[in-house]
Amino acid sequence: MSVLLASLAVIGPELMASGTASASPSNCYPIGSAGCRYSSTTTLVRSQVRVTYGRERHEHLSVRVSGSKGPATGRVTIAGVCTKALSPAGWVFCTLSNKQLKVGRHILKATYAGSSMYKASSDSVVVIVIT
């Protein structure tokens, strides 16, 4: 068993410590089949921390989905705000509508649904306060 694990360790970083292959297109076929997709990273950025109720249209949200093999394709949802297709460069831009969110503190979560090339991912660290 130790010889097997030692030989697996030299194959590359796509192997887990247990010696089990992770879901990486470099060691499975065909790309897009179950478990054979690259990891993606979703990043949500807001333009303002505080927004005045009734003037939310000034708040612009940007989402970037990236991966190691170029721009991602597919859809991104910002819960309670919008769902849009990614641009060819891997971006989504949303603007809040007036009175779309109630007065208070909101944690916004962007979720990328994944594609045949990339796994799903999300980012939920963005807080916006409607006053």
N, C-alpha and C. Protein backbone atom coordinates (compact mmCIF):
# COMPACT_ATOMS: atom_id res chain seq x y z
N MET A 1 0.82 -1.18 0.00
CA MET A 1 0.00 0.00 0.00
C MET A 1 0.87 1.25 0.00
N SER A 2 1.95 1.30 0.77
CA SER A 2 2.78 2.49 0.82
C SER A 2 3.47 2.73 -0.52
N VAL A 3 3.79 1.69 -1.25
CA VAL A 3 4.39 1.85 -2.57
C VAL A 3 3.37 2.47 -3.52
N LEU A 4 2.13 2.03 -3.45
CA LEU A 4 1.08 2.57 -4.29
C LEU A 4 0.86 4.05 -4.01
N LEU A 5 0.75 4.44 -2.75
CA LEU A 5 0.55 5.84 -2.40
C LEU A 5 1.75 6.68 -2.83
N ALA A 6 2.95 6.17 -2.66
CA ALA A 6 4.13 6.92 -3.06
C ALA A 6 4.14 7.15 -4.56
N SER A 7 3.73 6.15 -5.33
CA SER A 7 3.72 6.32 -6.77
C SER A 7 2.61 7.28 -7.20
N LEU A 8 1.49 7.28 -6.49
CA LEU A 8 0.41 8.20 -6.81
C LEU A 8 0.80 9.64 -6.50
N ALA A 9 1.57 9.85 -5.46
CA ALA A 9 1.93 11.19 -5.03
C ALA A 9 2.77 11.93 -6.08
N VAL A 10 3.48 11.23 -6.92
CA VAL A 10 4.31 11.91 -7.92
C VAL A 10 3.54 12.27 -9.18
N ILE A 11 2.30 11.80 -9.30
CA ILE A 11 1.51 12.09 -10.49
C ILE A 11 1.13 13.56 -10.56
N GLY A 12 0.75 14.17 -9.46
CA GLY A 12 0.41 15.58 -9.50
C GLY A 12 -0.52 16.00 -8.39
N PRO A 13 -0.81 17.31 -8.34
CA PRO A 13 -1.61 17.87 -7.26
C PRO A 13 -3.07 17.48 -7.31
N GLU A 14 -3.53 16.87 -8.40
CA GLU A 14 -4.93 16.51 -8.46
C GLU A 14 -5.26 15.29 -7.61
N LEU A 15 -4.27 14.72 -6.96
CA LEU A 15 -4.52 13.59 -6.08
C LEU A 15 -4.62 14.06 -4.64
N MET A 16 -5.59 13.51 -3.94
CA MET A 16 -5.77 13.86 -2.53
C MET A 16 -4.77 13.07 -1.68
N ALA A 17 -4.63 13.46 -0.44
CA ALA A 17 -3.69 12.80 0.47
C ALA A 17 -4.01 11.31 0.61
N SER A 18 -5.26 10.96 0.47
CA SER A 18 -5.62 9.55 0.61
C SER A 18 -5.19 8.73 -0.59
N GLY A 19 -4.78 9.41 -1.65
CA GLY A 19 -4.39 8.72 -2.87
C GLY A 19 -5.54 8.58 -3.85
N THR A 20 -6.71 9.09 -3.49
CA THR A 20 -7.87 9.03 -4.35
C THR A 20 -7.85 10.22 -5.31
N ALA A 21 -8.10 9.99 -6.57
CA ALA A 21 -8.09 11.07 -7.54
C ALA A 21 -9.25 12.00 -7.29
N SER A 22 -8.97 13.29 -7.31
CA SER A 22 -10.06 14.26 -7.18
C SER A 22 -10.68 14.48 -8.53
N ALA A 23 -11.74 15.28 -8.55
CA ALA A 23 -12.42 15.58 -9.81
C ALA A 23 -11.59 16.59 -10.59
N SER A 24 -10.72 16.10 -11.43
CA SER A 24 -9.85 16.97 -12.22
C SER A 24 -9.81 16.46 -13.64
N PRO A 25 -10.05 17.33 -14.63
CA PRO A 25 -10.05 16.89 -16.01
C PRO A 25 -8.74 16.27 -16.47
N SER A 26 -7.64 16.47 -15.75
CA SER A 26 -6.39 15.90 -16.19
C SER A 26 -6.34 14.39 -15.96
N ASN A 27 -7.24 13.86 -15.14
CA ASN A 27 -7.19 12.44 -14.88
C ASN A 27 -8.53 11.74 -15.09
N CYS A 28 -9.43 12.33 -15.87
CA CYS A 28 -10.68 11.66 -16.17
C CYS A 28 -11.15 12.07 -17.56
N TYR A 29 -12.05 11.28 -18.10
CA TYR A 29 -12.54 11.52 -19.44
C TYR A 29 -13.99 11.10 -19.47
N PRO A 30 -14.85 11.75 -20.21
CA PRO A 30 -14.63 13.00 -20.95
C PRO A 30 -14.85 14.21 -20.06
N ILE A 31 -14.29 15.34 -20.47
CA ILE A 31 -14.50 16.59 -19.76
C ILE A 31 -16.00 16.84 -19.71
N GLY A 32 -16.49 17.26 -18.57
CA GLY A 32 -17.92 17.55 -18.43
C GLY A 32 -18.71 16.38 -17.88
N SER A 33 -18.12 15.19 -17.84
CA SER A 33 -18.84 14.07 -17.24
C SER A 33 -18.84 14.26 -15.73
N ALA A 34 -19.69 13.53 -15.05
CA ALA A 34 -19.82 13.70 -13.60
C ALA A 34 -18.46 13.62 -12.91
N GLY A 35 -18.15 14.63 -12.13
CA GLY A 35 -16.90 14.64 -11.39
C GLY A 35 -15.68 15.07 -12.18
N CYS A 36 -15.84 15.43 -13.42
CA CYS A 36 -14.69 15.78 -14.27
C CYS A 36 -14.75 17.24 -14.68
N ARG A 37 -14.78 18.13 -13.70
CA ARG A 37 -14.82 19.56 -13.98
C ARG A 37 -13.80 20.29 -13.11
N TYR A 38 -13.34 21.43 -13.60
CA TYR A 38 -12.39 22.25 -12.86
C TYR A 38 -13.10 23.05 -11.78
N SER A 39 -12.37 23.46 -10.76
CA SER A 39 -12.91 24.33 -9.72
C SER A 39 -13.10 25.73 -10.27
N SER A 40 -14.07 26.44 -9.75
CA SER A 40 -14.30 27.83 -10.13
C SER A 40 -14.27 28.69 -8.87
N THR A 41 -14.05 29.98 -9.07
CA THR A 41 -14.07 30.94 -7.97
C THR A 41 -15.05 32.04 -8.32
N THR A 42 -15.98 32.31 -7.42
CA THR A 42 -16.97 33.36 -7.61
C THR A 42 -16.67 34.49 -6.63
N THR A 43 -16.60 35.72 -7.15
CA THR A 43 -16.32 36.88 -6.32
C THR A 43 -17.39 37.93 -6.55
N LEU A 44 -18.05 38.35 -5.47
CA LEU A 44 -19.10 39.37 -5.52
C LEU A 44 -18.56 40.66 -4.90
N VAL A 45 -18.72 41.77 -5.62
CA VAL A 45 -18.24 43.07 -5.14
C VAL A 45 -19.40 44.06 -5.22
N ARG A 46 -19.56 44.87 -4.17
CA ARG A 46 -20.58 45.92 -4.16
C ARG A 46 -19.89 47.27 -4.33
N SER A 47 -20.62 48.26 -4.81
CA SER A 47 -20.02 49.58 -4.98
C SER A 47 -20.15 50.43 -3.72
N GLN A 48 -21.13 50.13 -2.86
CA GLN A 48 -21.35 50.91 -1.64
C GLN A 48 -21.70 49.97 -0.48
N VAL A 49 -21.36 50.38 0.73
CA VAL A 49 -21.72 49.61 1.92
C VAL A 49 -23.12 50.01 2.38
N ARG A 50 -23.41 51.30 2.35
CA ARG A 50 -24.71 51.82 2.77
C ARG A 50 -25.42 52.45 1.58
N VAL A 51 -26.71 52.16 1.49
CA VAL A 51 -27.53 52.68 0.42
C VAL A 51 -28.82 53.21 1.03
N THR A 52 -29.29 54.34 0.56
CA THR A 52 -30.52 54.93 1.06
C THR A 52 -31.72 54.25 0.40
N TYR A 53 -32.69 53.85 1.24
CA TYR A 53 -33.91 53.22 0.74
C TYR A 53 -34.59 54.15 -0.28
N GLY A 54 -34.96 53.61 -1.41
CA GLY A 54 -35.56 54.40 -2.49
C GLY A 54 -34.53 54.92 -3.48
N ARG A 55 -33.26 54.78 -3.16
CA ARG A 55 -32.19 55.22 -4.06
C ARG A 55 -31.22 54.07 -4.38
N GLU A 56 -31.73 52.86 -4.30
CA GLU A 56 -30.89 51.68 -4.50
C GLU A 56 -30.33 51.55 -5.91
N ARG A 57 -30.93 52.24 -6.85
CA ARG A 57 -30.46 52.12 -8.24
C ARG A 57 -29.01 52.60 -8.40
N HIS A 58 -28.49 53.24 -7.36
CA HIS A 58 -27.09 53.68 -7.40
C HIS A 58 -26.14 52.58 -6.94
N GLU A 59 -26.68 51.46 -6.48
CA GLU A 59 -25.84 50.34 -6.02
C GLU A 59 -25.60 49.37 -7.18
N HIS A 60 -24.34 49.20 -7.52
CA HIS A 60 -23.96 48.30 -8.61
C HIS A 60 -23.22 47.10 -8.02
N LEU A 61 -23.66 45.93 -8.40
CA LEU A 61 -23.05 44.69 -7.94
C LEU A 61 -22.34 44.04 -9.12
N SER A 62 -21.12 43.59 -8.89
CA SER A 62 -20.33 42.94 -9.93
C SER A 62 -19.95 41.55 -9.44
N VAL A 63 -20.07 40.58 -10.32
CA VAL A 63 -19.68 39.21 -9.99
C VAL A 63 -18.72 38.73 -11.06
N ARG A 64 -17.61 38.17 -10.61
CA ARG A 64 -16.60 37.59 -11.51
C ARG A 64 -16.50 36.11 -11.19
N VAL A 65 -16.61 35.28 -12.21
CA VAL A 65 -16.40 33.85 -12.05
C VAL A 65 -15.17 33.50 -12.87
N SER A 66 -14.21 32.87 -12.21
CA SER A 66 -12.97 32.53 -12.90
C SER A 66 -12.58 31.09 -12.62
N GLY A 67 -11.72 30.59 -13.47
CA GLY A 67 -11.20 29.24 -13.34
C GLY A 67 -9.86 29.15 -14.03
N SER A 68 -9.21 28.06 -13.88
CA SER A 68 -7.86 27.90 -14.40
C SER A 68 -7.79 27.73 -15.92
N LYS A 69 -8.90 27.47 -16.55
CA LYS A 69 -8.91 27.22 -18.00
C LYS A 69 -9.66 28.29 -18.78
N GLY A 70 -9.61 29.53 -18.30
CA GLY A 70 -10.25 30.63 -19.01
C GLY A 70 -11.59 31.00 -18.43
N PRO A 71 -12.27 31.96 -19.07
CA PRO A 71 -13.56 32.45 -18.56
C PRO A 71 -14.60 31.35 -18.46
N ALA A 72 -15.43 31.46 -17.45
CA ALA A 72 -16.52 30.52 -17.25
C ALA A 72 -17.72 30.93 -18.10
N THR A 73 -18.60 29.99 -18.33
CA THR A 73 -19.87 30.26 -19.01
C THR A 73 -20.99 29.80 -18.09
N GLY A 74 -22.18 30.27 -18.34
CA GLY A 74 -23.32 29.86 -17.53
C GLY A 74 -24.00 31.03 -16.86
N ARG A 75 -24.70 30.76 -15.76
CA ARG A 75 -25.51 31.77 -15.09
C ARG A 75 -25.06 31.98 -13.65
N VAL A 76 -25.27 33.22 -13.20
CA VAL A 76 -25.00 33.60 -11.81
C VAL A 76 -26.28 34.17 -11.23
N THR A 77 -26.57 33.81 -9.99
CA THR A 77 -27.71 34.36 -9.26
C THR A 77 -27.20 35.08 -8.03
N ILE A 78 -27.63 36.31 -7.87
CA ILE A 78 -27.42 37.03 -6.61
C ILE A 78 -28.78 36.96 -5.93
N ALA A 79 -28.85 36.17 -4.86
CA ALA A 79 -30.12 35.87 -4.20
C ALA A 79 -30.92 37.12 -3.90
N GLY A 80 -32.15 37.15 -4.37
CA GLY A 80 -33.05 38.27 -4.11
C GLY A 80 -32.80 39.49 -4.97
N VAL A 81 -31.81 39.43 -5.85
CA VAL A 81 -31.46 40.61 -6.64
C VAL A 81 -31.59 40.35 -8.14
N CYS A 82 -30.84 39.39 -8.67
CA CYS A 82 -30.90 39.14 -10.12
C CYS A 82 -30.31 37.79 -10.47
N THR A 83 -30.63 37.32 -11.65
CA THR A 83 -30.02 36.14 -12.26
C THR A 83 -29.69 36.52 -13.69
N LYS A 84 -28.42 36.34 -14.05
CA LYS A 84 -27.98 36.72 -15.39
C LYS A 84 -26.94 35.74 -15.91
N ALA A 85 -26.82 35.72 -17.24
CA ALA A 85 -25.77 34.93 -17.90
C ALA A 85 -24.45 35.68 -17.80
N LEU A 86 -23.38 34.93 -17.64
CA LEU A 86 -22.05 35.53 -17.62
C LEU A 86 -21.70 36.11 -18.99
N SER A 87 -20.96 37.21 -18.98
CA SER A 87 -20.46 37.77 -20.23
C SER A 87 -19.34 36.85 -20.75
N PRO A 88 -18.90 37.03 -21.99
CA PRO A 88 -17.80 36.21 -22.51
C PRO A 88 -16.52 36.31 -21.67
N ALA A 89 -16.37 37.39 -20.92
CA ALA A 89 -15.18 37.56 -20.07
C ALA A 89 -15.39 37.01 -18.66
N GLY A 90 -16.58 36.45 -18.36
CA GLY A 90 -16.83 35.85 -17.06
C GLY A 90 -17.40 36.79 -16.01
N TRP A 91 -18.08 37.86 -16.43
CA TRP A 91 -18.64 38.86 -15.50
C TRP A 91 -20.16 38.90 -15.58
N VAL A 92 -20.78 39.31 -14.46
CA VAL A 92 -22.20 39.66 -14.40
C VAL A 92 -22.30 40.98 -13.65
N PHE A 93 -23.13 41.89 -14.16
CA PHE A 93 -23.34 43.19 -13.51
C PHE A 93 -24.83 43.35 -13.23
N CYS A 94 -25.16 43.70 -11.99
CA CYS A 94 -26.55 43.93 -11.59
C CYS A 94 -26.65 45.27 -10.87
N THR A 95 -27.78 45.93 -11.05
CA THR A 95 -28.07 47.17 -10.34
C THR A 95 -29.35 46.94 -9.56
N LEU A 96 -29.34 47.30 -8.29
CA LEU A 96 -30.55 47.16 -7.49
C LEU A 96 -31.65 48.07 -8.02
N SER A 97 -32.88 47.61 -7.92
CA SER A 97 -34.03 48.46 -8.24
C SER A 97 -34.40 49.22 -6.99
N ASN A 98 -35.02 50.39 -7.16
CA ASN A 98 -35.48 51.14 -6.00
C ASN A 98 -36.46 50.30 -5.18
N LYS A 99 -36.26 50.30 -3.88
CA LYS A 99 -37.11 49.60 -2.91
C LYS A 99 -37.11 48.08 -3.10
N GLN A 100 -36.09 47.55 -3.77
CA GLN A 100 -35.99 46.11 -3.99
C GLN A 100 -35.69 45.37 -2.68
N LEU A 101 -34.86 45.95 -1.84
CA LEU A 101 -34.53 45.36 -0.54
C LEU A 101 -35.11 46.24 0.55
N LYS A 102 -35.58 45.64 1.61
CA LYS A 102 -36.13 46.39 2.73
C LYS A 102 -35.02 47.04 3.54
N VAL A 103 -35.40 48.03 4.36
CA VAL A 103 -34.44 48.70 5.24
C VAL A 103 -33.84 47.64 6.17
N GLY A 104 -32.54 47.68 6.34
CA GLY A 104 -31.86 46.74 7.22
C GLY A 104 -30.56 46.24 6.61
N ARG A 105 -29.99 45.27 7.27
CA ARG A 105 -28.72 44.68 6.87
C ARG A 105 -29.00 43.43 6.03
N HIS A 106 -28.32 43.32 4.89
CA HIS A 106 -28.52 42.19 3.99
C HIS A 106 -27.17 41.56 3.65
N ILE A 107 -27.11 40.25 3.71
CA ILE A 107 -25.93 39.52 3.26
C ILE A 107 -26.27 39.00 1.87
N LEU A 108 -25.53 39.46 0.91
CA LEU A 108 -25.78 39.08 -0.48
C LEU A 108 -24.92 37.88 -0.85
N LYS A 109 -25.53 36.92 -1.52
CA LYS A 109 -24.82 35.71 -1.93
C LYS A 109 -24.92 35.55 -3.43
N ALA A 110 -23.77 35.44 -4.07
CA ALA A 110 -23.71 35.17 -5.51
C ALA A 110 -23.40 33.69 -5.69
N THR A 111 -24.19 33.03 -6.53
CA THR A 111 -23.99 31.61 -6.78
C THR A 111 -23.84 31.36 -8.28
N TYR A 112 -22.75 30.74 -8.63
CA TYR A 112 -22.50 30.31 -10.01
C TYR A 112 -22.98 28.87 -10.12
N ALA A 113 -23.82 28.60 -11.11
CA ALA A 113 -24.44 27.29 -11.25
C ALA A 113 -23.50 26.22 -11.76
N GLY A 114 -22.36 26.61 -12.32
CA GLY A 114 -21.45 25.64 -12.90
C GLY A 114 -21.73 25.45 -14.37
N SER A 115 -20.86 24.71 -15.03
CA SER A 115 -20.99 24.43 -16.46
C SER A 115 -20.36 23.08 -16.75
N SER A 116 -20.28 22.73 -18.01
CA SER A 116 -19.65 21.47 -18.36
C SER A 116 -18.15 21.51 -18.09
N MET A 117 -17.57 22.69 -17.98
CA MET A 117 -16.13 22.83 -17.71
C MET A 117 -15.82 23.10 -16.24
N TYR A 118 -16.71 23.87 -15.56
CA TYR A 118 -16.43 24.31 -14.19
C TYR A 118 -17.50 23.86 -13.19
N LYS A 119 -17.04 23.57 -11.97
CA LYS A 119 -17.94 23.24 -10.87
C LYS A 119 -18.64 24.50 -10.37
N ALA A 120 -19.76 24.34 -9.72
CA ALA A 120 -20.48 25.46 -9.11
C ALA A 120 -19.66 26.05 -7.96
N SER A 121 -19.87 27.35 -7.70
CA SER A 121 -19.19 28.01 -6.58
C SER A 121 -20.04 29.20 -6.14
N SER A 122 -19.70 29.75 -4.97
CA SER A 122 -20.48 30.89 -4.48
C SER A 122 -19.61 31.80 -3.62
N ASP A 123 -20.11 33.02 -3.39
CA ASP A 123 -19.46 33.99 -2.53
C ASP A 123 -20.57 34.69 -1.76
N SER A 124 -20.46 34.74 -0.43
CA SER A 124 -21.53 35.34 0.37
C SER A 124 -21.01 36.28 1.44
N VAL A 125 -19.90 36.91 1.22
CA VAL A 125 -19.31 37.77 2.25
C VAL A 125 -19.69 39.23 2.09
N VAL A 126 -20.54 39.56 1.16
CA VAL A 126 -20.87 40.95 0.90
C VAL A 126 -22.09 41.38 1.72
N VAL A 127 -21.91 42.41 2.52
CA VAL A 127 -22.98 42.95 3.34
C VAL A 127 -23.36 44.33 2.79
N ILE A 128 -24.64 44.58 2.69
CA ILE A 128 -25.13 45.89 2.28
C ILE A 128 -26.19 46.33 3.28
N VAL A 129 -26.16 47.60 3.65
CA VAL A 129 -27.11 48.13 4.61
C VAL A 129 -28.00 49.15 3.91
N ILE A 130 -29.31 48.93 3.97
CA ILE A 130 -30.28 49.86 3.41
C ILE A 130 -30.79 50.70 4.57
N THR A 131 -30.62 52.01 4.47
CA THR A 131 -31.02 52.91 5.57
C THR A 131 -32.19 53.80 5.16
